[in-house]
């Protein structure tokens, strides 16, 4: 949060937490207090940890508390760290910040402080905020625990699966598609809102996870218009996905329901195919240089595609990939995209959603 660029230190802390069994939602730099509050609520976090060295903590800290209150999670604890003068710590604590960490604090102290904030999950959020409650319902479903008996369930009008190998640009592509839907819904509110469920791998050793898919969405602009939830799994363990899909479809934010849901898979490799059972349409994302035509002919992930996406189509090898994809696609569509620049996103949206 704030106006600095010390991402290396944040990443070191995030890795230490992950290796200690913590699931870390990494939101990236340049976040506003409000966008962080949206993230913490939608992810149903146990703790919001904000780091800064821009000497603006006395302004941003209270705004972060206000943001959580507006988002329906005033109960969520906040830890702040960075270059914070000792004289300012008392002011921050009085304002409602739970703990402050100055330079020189060890990683183990930070890990233990984070773990100390974990509490049993109640079925109901005290504020009764509908989206904060949706986030809690998803947490309980994912943990295979009972959810509220009165939680509404409805399948969204369209559920789209986005899969492909690691590094193919799935997160950027999903963010661009959700943003495209949001822009169209501004002109036609009947389209409803977009939601995203993004799966990342869970460590087989520590059970920790580093979930960084939110990095690709500009929540400073979209704020609450896109519901975004990150979840860690082992392999293709989608045991709760059908229930999560129903919970998201049954929720609403004001007059708008979540009528479009994107599900982004971990992207483990050729044998990742189970997502097809849970979605209406599946896009398989590939990038130039992924392999030759023999790789394409192997059974597995390419068989489940309704649409093939050649992302990073500005990279060398694009022509060869498109040729090989068209050889195996049959009547299925092949679309070229450069997600970082928005190229091909409108065409891909039309193929998947329209």
Protein backbone atom coordinates (compact mmCIF):
# COMPACT_ATOMS: atom_id res chain seq x y z
CA UNK A 1 0.00 0.00 0.00
CA UNK A 2 1.17 3.51 -0.62
CA UNK A 3 3.55 5.08 -3.08
CA UNK A 4 6.69 2.96 -2.74
CA UNK A 5 8.22 0.05 -4.62
CA UNK A 6 9.73 -2.26 -2.03
CA UNK A 7 8.12 -5.38 -3.45
CA UNK A 8 11.18 -7.56 -2.81
CA UNK A 9 10.79 -7.28 0.96
CA UNK A 10 7.08 -8.06 0.74
CA UNK A 11 7.79 -11.14 -1.36
CA UNK A 12 10.36 -12.39 1.16
CA UNK A 13 7.76 -12.09 3.94
CA UNK A 14 5.09 -13.74 1.75
CA UNK A 15 7.36 -16.71 1.04
CA UNK A 16 8.20 -17.10 4.71
CA UNK A 17 4.51 -17.17 5.55
CA UNK A 18 3.78 -19.65 2.76
CA UNK A 19 6.57 -21.95 3.94
CA UNK A 20 5.02 -21.82 7.42
CA UNK A 21 1.67 -23.13 6.16
CA UNK A 22 -0.08 -19.79 5.65
CA UNK A 23 -2.19 -18.98 2.58
CA UNK A 24 -0.98 -15.57 1.44
CA UNK A 25 -3.06 -13.36 -0.86
CA UNK A 26 -0.48 -11.16 -2.57
CA UNK A 27 -2.19 -8.05 -3.92
CA UNK A 28 0.88 -6.28 -5.27
CA UNK A 29 1.97 -2.67 -5.10
CA UNK A 30 0.09 0.60 -5.54
CA UNK A 31 -3.01 -0.49 -3.66
CA UNK A 32 -5.33 2.03 -2.06
CA UNK A 33 -6.77 1.39 1.41
CA UNK A 34 -10.16 0.78 -0.19
CA UNK A 35 -8.92 -1.76 -2.74
CA UNK A 36 -7.07 -3.63 0.02
CA UNK A 37 -10.24 -3.69 2.10
CA UNK A 38 -12.20 -5.12 -0.85
CA UNK A 39 -9.54 -7.82 -1.28
CA UNK A 40 -9.46 -8.72 2.42
CA UNK A 41 -13.25 -9.01 2.56
CA UNK A 42 -13.69 -11.03 -0.64
CA UNK A 43 -10.85 -13.38 0.33
CA UNK A 44 -12.30 -13.77 3.86
CA UNK A 45 -8.85 -13.24 5.35
CA UNK A 46 -7.91 -13.75 8.98
CA UNK A 47 -5.56 -10.77 8.82
CA UNK A 48 -4.79 -7.80 6.61
CA UNK A 49 -1.07 -6.98 6.60
CA UNK A 50 -0.03 -3.65 5.05
CA UNK A 51 3.56 -2.65 4.36
CA UNK A 52 4.80 0.80 3.45
CA UNK A 53 7.78 3.08 3.52
CA UNK A 54 6.26 6.23 2.07
CA UNK A 55 5.81 7.99 5.43
CA UNK A 56 2.04 8.09 5.01
CA UNK A 57 1.05 5.55 7.64
CA UNK A 58 -0.84 8.02 9.83
CA UNK A 59 -3.13 8.78 6.88
CA UNK A 60 -3.39 5.35 5.27
CA UNK A 61 -3.83 3.37 8.50
CA UNK A 62 -7.10 5.07 9.54
CA UNK A 63 -8.36 4.91 5.95
CA UNK A 64 -7.71 1.18 5.91
CA UNK A 65 -9.80 0.81 9.07
CA UNK A 66 -12.55 2.90 7.47
CA UNK A 67 -12.38 0.80 4.30
CA UNK A 68 -12.86 -2.45 6.21
CA UNK A 69 -15.82 -0.93 8.03
CA UNK A 70 -17.39 0.09 4.71
CA UNK A 71 -16.80 -3.42 3.31
CA UNK A 72 -18.58 -5.10 6.22
CA UNK A 73 -15.47 -6.41 7.98
CA UNK A 74 -14.69 -3.99 10.83
CA UNK A 75 -13.68 -7.03 12.91
CA UNK A 76 -10.75 -7.92 10.69
CA UNK A 77 -7.38 -7.19 12.38
CA UNK A 78 -4.74 -5.05 10.67
CA UNK A 79 -0.98 -5.31 11.08
CA UNK A 80 1.19 -2.53 9.67
CA UNK A 81 4.91 -2.62 8.99
CA UNK A 82 7.64 -0.59 7.38
CA UNK A 83 9.51 2.56 8.32
CA UNK A 84 7.27 3.71 11.17
CA UNK A 85 8.70 6.11 13.78
CA UNK A 86 8.30 4.91 17.35
CA UNK A 87 6.40 8.08 18.24
CA UNK A 88 3.68 7.21 15.71
CA UNK A 89 3.05 3.67 16.87
CA UNK A 90 0.86 4.67 19.83
CA UNK A 91 -1.27 6.83 17.52
CA UNK A 92 -1.80 3.93 15.12
CA UNK A 93 -2.68 1.51 17.91
CA UNK A 94 -5.17 3.97 19.35
CA UNK A 95 -6.74 4.37 15.90
CA UNK A 96 -7.41 0.62 15.74
CA UNK A 97 -4.34 -0.96 14.11
CA UNK A 98 -3.77 -4.25 15.96
CA UNK A 99 0.04 -4.44 15.71
CA UNK A 100 2.92 -2.45 14.23
CA UNK A 101 6.26 -3.80 13.06
CA UNK A 102 9.29 -1.60 12.55
CA UNK A 103 12.51 -2.38 10.72
CA UNK A 104 14.62 -5.09 12.29
CA UNK A 105 11.75 -7.40 13.27
CA UNK A 106 12.55 -11.03 12.40
CA UNK A 107 10.53 -13.14 9.98
CA UNK A 108 9.63 -15.68 12.66
CA UNK A 109 8.08 -12.92 14.78
CA UNK A 110 5.95 -11.85 11.79
CA UNK A 111 4.91 -15.44 11.07
CA UNK A 112 3.87 -16.06 14.67
CA UNK A 113 1.98 -12.76 14.80
CA UNK A 114 0.01 -13.72 11.69
CA UNK A 115 -0.78 -17.19 13.00
CA UNK A 116 -1.98 -15.73 16.30
CA UNK A 117 -4.83 -13.95 14.49
CA UNK A 118 -6.42 -17.17 13.18
CA UNK A 119 -9.76 -17.83 14.84
CA UNK A 120 -12.53 -20.40 14.25
CA UNK A 121 -14.82 -19.39 11.40
CA UNK A 122 -18.37 -18.53 12.40
CA UNK A 123 -21.15 -19.33 9.94
CA UNK A 124 -22.41 -15.76 9.94
CA UNK A 125 -20.57 -12.47 9.55
CA UNK A 126 -21.48 -10.05 12.35
CA UNK A 127 -22.13 -7.14 9.99
CA UNK A 128 -24.45 -9.26 7.78
CA UNK A 129 -22.90 -7.57 4.73
CA UNK A 130 -24.04 -9.76 1.79
CA UNK A 131 -20.66 -9.99 0.02
CA UNK A 132 -18.73 -10.47 3.25
CA UNK A 133 -21.18 -13.28 3.99
CA UNK A 134 -20.68 -14.76 0.52
CA UNK A 135 -16.94 -14.81 1.14
CA UNK A 136 -17.47 -16.66 4.43
CA UNK A 137 -19.86 -19.15 2.79
CA UNK A 138 -17.18 -19.92 0.20
CA UNK A 139 -14.56 -20.43 2.92
CA UNK A 140 -16.75 -22.91 4.75
CA UNK A 141 -17.68 -24.79 1.58
CA UNK A 142 -14.03 -25.02 0.54
CA UNK A 143 -13.15 -26.40 3.99
CA UNK A 144 -16.02 -28.93 3.72
CA UNK A 145 -17.77 -27.36 6.70
CA UNK A 146 -21.51 -26.63 7.02
CA UNK A 147 -22.69 -23.39 5.47
CA UNK A 148 -25.78 -21.40 6.43
CA UNK A 149 -28.95 -23.38 5.77
CA UNK A 150 -30.57 -20.22 4.37
CA UNK A 151 -27.75 -19.39 1.95
CA UNK A 152 -29.26 -18.82 -1.50
CA UNK A 153 -27.96 -20.92 -4.35
CA UNK A 154 -28.32 -20.38 -8.10
CA UNK A 155 -26.05 -21.22 -10.99
CA UNK A 156 -24.86 -18.11 -12.88
CA UNK A 157 -26.10 -17.80 -16.43
CA UNK A 158 -22.64 -18.58 -17.75
CA UNK A 159 -19.69 -20.36 -16.12
CA UNK A 160 -16.44 -20.30 -18.10
CA UNK A 161 -13.35 -22.39 -17.35
CA UNK A 162 -9.91 -21.01 -18.25
CA UNK A 163 -7.10 -23.55 -18.19
CA UNK A 164 -3.63 -24.05 -19.63
CA UNK A 165 -0.05 -24.55 -18.56
CA UNK A 166 1.66 -22.35 -15.92
CA UNK A 167 2.97 -19.13 -17.42
CA UNK A 168 0.47 -19.05 -20.27
CA UNK A 169 -1.02 -15.79 -18.98
CA UNK A 170 -4.32 -17.19 -17.68
CA UNK A 171 -4.60 -14.69 -14.82
CA UNK A 172 -4.03 -11.70 -17.09
CA UNK A 173 -6.50 -13.13 -19.60
CA UNK A 174 -9.18 -13.69 -16.95
CA UNK A 175 -8.68 -10.18 -15.60
CA UNK A 176 -9.06 -8.73 -19.09
CA UNK A 177 -12.24 -10.77 -19.75
CA UNK A 178 -13.78 -9.72 -16.43
CA UNK A 179 -12.93 -6.10 -17.18
CA UNK A 180 -14.47 -6.43 -20.66
CA UNK A 181 -17.70 -7.73 -19.12
CA UNK A 182 -17.73 -4.91 -16.58
CA UNK A 183 -17.36 -2.29 -19.32
CA UNK A 184 -20.24 -3.83 -21.27
CA UNK A 185 -22.40 -4.08 -18.14
CA UNK A 186 -21.93 -0.36 -17.54
CA UNK A 187 -23.83 0.17 -20.80
CA UNK A 188 -26.22 -2.74 -20.24
CA UNK A 189 -26.83 -3.45 -16.53
CA UNK A 190 -28.95 -6.49 -17.45
CA UNK A 191 -25.67 -8.36 -18.05
CA UNK A 192 -25.09 -8.45 -14.28
CA UNK A 193 -21.71 -8.60 -12.60
CA UNK A 194 -18.66 -10.78 -13.23
CA UNK A 195 -17.02 -13.01 -10.63
CA UNK A 196 -13.79 -14.98 -10.66
CA UNK A 197 -12.66 -18.05 -8.74
CA UNK A 198 -8.93 -18.55 -9.19
CA UNK A 199 -7.23 -21.74 -8.03
CA UNK A 200 -3.54 -21.92 -7.14
CA UNK A 201 -1.44 -24.87 -5.94
CA UNK A 202 -1.07 -25.71 -2.26
CA UNK A 203 2.30 -26.87 -0.99
CA UNK A 204 2.45 -30.64 -0.45
CA UNK A 205 5.03 -30.03 2.30
CA UNK A 206 3.76 -27.10 4.37
CA UNK A 207 0.15 -26.83 3.05
CA UNK A 208 0.91 -23.15 2.55
CA UNK A 209 0.12 -21.25 -0.65
CA UNK A 210 1.03 -18.02 -2.38
CA UNK A 211 -1.99 -16.76 -4.30
CA UNK A 212 -1.12 -13.92 -6.67
CA UNK A 213 -3.92 -13.89 -9.22
CA UNK A 214 -5.39 -10.62 -7.89
CA UNK A 215 -2.26 -8.86 -9.16
CA UNK A 216 -3.72 -8.78 -12.67
CA UNK A 217 -6.92 -6.90 -11.80
CA UNK A 218 -6.94 -3.13 -11.30
CA UNK A 219 -9.07 -3.06 -8.17
CA UNK A 220 -8.30 0.62 -7.71
CA UNK A 221 -10.60 1.08 -10.71
CA UNK A 222 -13.07 -1.79 -10.48
CA UNK A 223 -13.34 -2.03 -6.67
CA UNK A 224 -16.50 -4.03 -5.93
CA UNK A 225 -17.78 -4.46 -9.48
CA UNK A 226 -15.82 -7.74 -9.82
CA UNK A 227 -16.00 -10.38 -7.09
CA UNK A 228 -12.67 -12.19 -6.99
CA UNK A 229 -11.80 -15.17 -4.85
CA UNK A 230 -8.51 -17.08 -4.64
CA UNK A 231 -8.40 -20.67 -3.38
CA UNK A 232 -5.55 -23.14 -2.92
CA UNK A 233 -5.93 -26.82 -3.78
CA UNK A 234 -3.84 -29.94 -4.23
CA UNK A 235 -3.96 -31.30 -7.77
CA UNK A 236 -7.45 -31.07 -9.25
CA UNK A 237 -9.38 -31.22 -6.01
CA UNK A 238 -12.55 -29.39 -7.02
CA UNK A 239 -14.68 -31.06 -4.33
CA UNK A 240 -16.49 -27.83 -3.40
CA UNK A 241 -16.52 -26.03 -6.73
CA UNK A 242 -20.11 -26.86 -7.70
CA UNK A 243 -21.37 -25.53 -4.36
CA UNK A 244 -19.16 -22.43 -4.64
CA UNK A 245 -20.56 -21.76 -8.11
CA UNK A 246 -24.11 -22.01 -6.73
CA UNK A 247 -23.28 -19.71 -3.79
CA UNK A 248 -21.84 -17.04 -6.09
CA UNK A 249 -24.83 -17.23 -8.41
CA UNK A 250 -27.21 -16.92 -5.47
CA UNK A 251 -25.54 -13.80 -4.11
CA UNK A 252 -26.13 -10.26 -5.27
CA UNK A 253 -24.60 -6.85 -4.72
CA UNK A 254 -27.34 -4.27 -4.72
CA UNK A 255 -29.58 -4.79 -7.77
CA UNK A 256 -26.99 -6.84 -9.68
CA UNK A 257 -26.42 -10.58 -9.49
CA UNK A 258 -23.27 -12.42 -10.50
CA UNK A 259 -24.38 -13.77 -13.86
CA UNK A 260 -20.93 -14.51 -15.30
CA UNK A 261 -18.30 -16.58 -13.50
CA UNK A 262 -14.78 -17.34 -14.66
CA UNK A 263 -12.98 -20.29 -13.07
CA UNK A 264 -9.22 -20.22 -13.50
CA UNK A 265 -7.45 -23.53 -12.93
CA UNK A 266 -4.03 -24.13 -11.42
CA UNK A 267 -2.60 -25.12 -14.78
CA UNK A 268 -0.74 -28.29 -13.89
CA UNK A 269 -0.19 -29.77 -17.34
CA UNK A 270 -1.60 -32.04 -20.03
CA UNK A 271 -3.68 -34.21 -17.71
CA UNK A 272 -5.65 -31.38 -16.10
CA UNK A 273 -9.13 -32.03 -17.48
CA UNK A 274 -11.58 -32.21 -14.56
CA UNK A 275 -12.60 -28.55 -14.81
CA UNK A 276 -14.74 -29.44 -17.83
CA UNK A 277 -17.27 -31.19 -15.57
CA UNK A 278 -18.02 -27.98 -13.67
CA UNK A 279 -18.25 -25.28 -16.37
CA UNK A 280 -20.33 -24.49 -19.45
CA UNK A 281 -17.45 -23.72 -21.78
CA UNK A 282 -13.69 -24.22 -21.52
CA UNK A 283 -10.90 -22.14 -23.02
CA UNK A 284 -7.46 -23.72 -23.21
CA UNK A 285 -4.67 -21.13 -23.23
CA UNK A 286 -1.37 -21.84 -24.93
CA UNK A 287 1.68 -19.74 -25.76
CA UNK A 288 4.28 -19.91 -28.53
CA UNK A 289 7.15 -22.28 -27.80
CA UNK A 290 5.07 -24.78 -25.81
CA UNK A 291 6.08 -27.78 -27.96
CA UNK A 292 5.74 -29.38 -31.34
CA UNK A 293 2.79 -31.04 -33.11
CA UNK A 294 3.43 -34.37 -31.40
CA UNK A 295 2.78 -32.73 -28.03
CA UNK A 296 -0.48 -31.40 -29.45
CA UNK A 297 -1.61 -34.86 -30.51
CA UNK A 298 -1.31 -36.33 -27.00
CA UNK A 299 -4.57 -37.00 -25.18
CA UNK A 300 -5.49 -34.69 -22.33
CA UNK A 301 -6.12 -31.01 -21.84
CA UNK A 302 -6.45 -30.11 -25.53
CA UNK A 303 -9.41 -32.45 -25.89
CA UNK A 304 -11.56 -30.45 -23.45
CA UNK A 305 -11.22 -27.12 -25.26
CA UNK A 306 -14.27 -25.41 -26.69
CA UNK A 307 -12.03 -22.49 -27.67
CA UNK A 308 -8.25 -22.44 -28.16
CA UNK A 309 -6.41 -19.28 -27.17
CA UNK A 310 -2.96 -18.45 -28.47
CA UNK A 311 -1.92 -15.88 -25.89
CA UNK A 312 1.25 -13.80 -26.10
CA UNK A 313 0.66 -13.87 -29.83
CA UNK A 314 3.33 -11.19 -30.29
CA UNK A 315 6.05 -13.70 -29.32
CA UNK A 316 8.25 -15.68 -31.70
CA UNK A 317 6.73 -18.98 -32.77
CA UNK A 318 3.18 -17.67 -32.96
CA UNK A 319 2.64 -18.71 -36.57
CA UNK A 320 3.75 -22.29 -35.87
CA UNK A 321 1.46 -22.55 -32.84
CA UNK A 322 -1.56 -21.25 -34.76
CA UNK A 323 -0.87 -23.71 -37.59
CA UNK A 324 -0.62 -26.66 -35.17
CA UNK A 325 -3.75 -25.58 -33.29
CA UNK A 326 -5.77 -25.33 -36.48
CA UNK A 327 -4.62 -28.83 -37.42
CA UNK A 328 -6.20 -30.29 -34.28
CA UNK A 329 -9.04 -27.81 -33.65
CA UNK A 330 -11.50 -29.11 -36.25
CA UNK A 331 -14.52 -26.81 -36.00
CA UNK A 332 -13.38 -25.32 -32.73
CA UNK A 333 -12.34 -21.66 -32.70
CA UNK A 334 -8.74 -20.52 -32.41
CA UNK A 335 -8.24 -16.95 -31.17
CA UNK A 336 -5.01 -14.96 -30.91
CA UNK A 337 -4.63 -12.63 -27.92
CA UNK A 338 -2.09 -10.38 -26.29
CA UNK A 339 -3.81 -10.07 -22.92
CA UNK A 340 -1.37 -7.48 -21.54
CA UNK A 341 -2.39 -5.13 -24.35
CA UNK A 342 -6.06 -6.11 -24.59
CA UNK A 343 -5.68 -7.48 -28.13
CA UNK A 344 -8.21 -10.15 -29.08
CA UNK A 345 -10.10 -9.86 -25.77
CA UNK A 346 -13.37 -8.67 -27.29
CA UNK A 347 -13.38 -11.53 -29.81
CA UNK A 348 -12.58 -14.06 -27.10
CA UNK A 349 -15.32 -12.68 -24.85
CA UNK A 350 -17.84 -12.96 -27.67
CA UNK A 351 -16.85 -16.59 -28.32
CA UNK A 352 -17.05 -17.63 -24.67
CA UNK A 353 -19.95 -15.58 -23.35
CA UNK A 354 -22.22 -14.39 -26.15
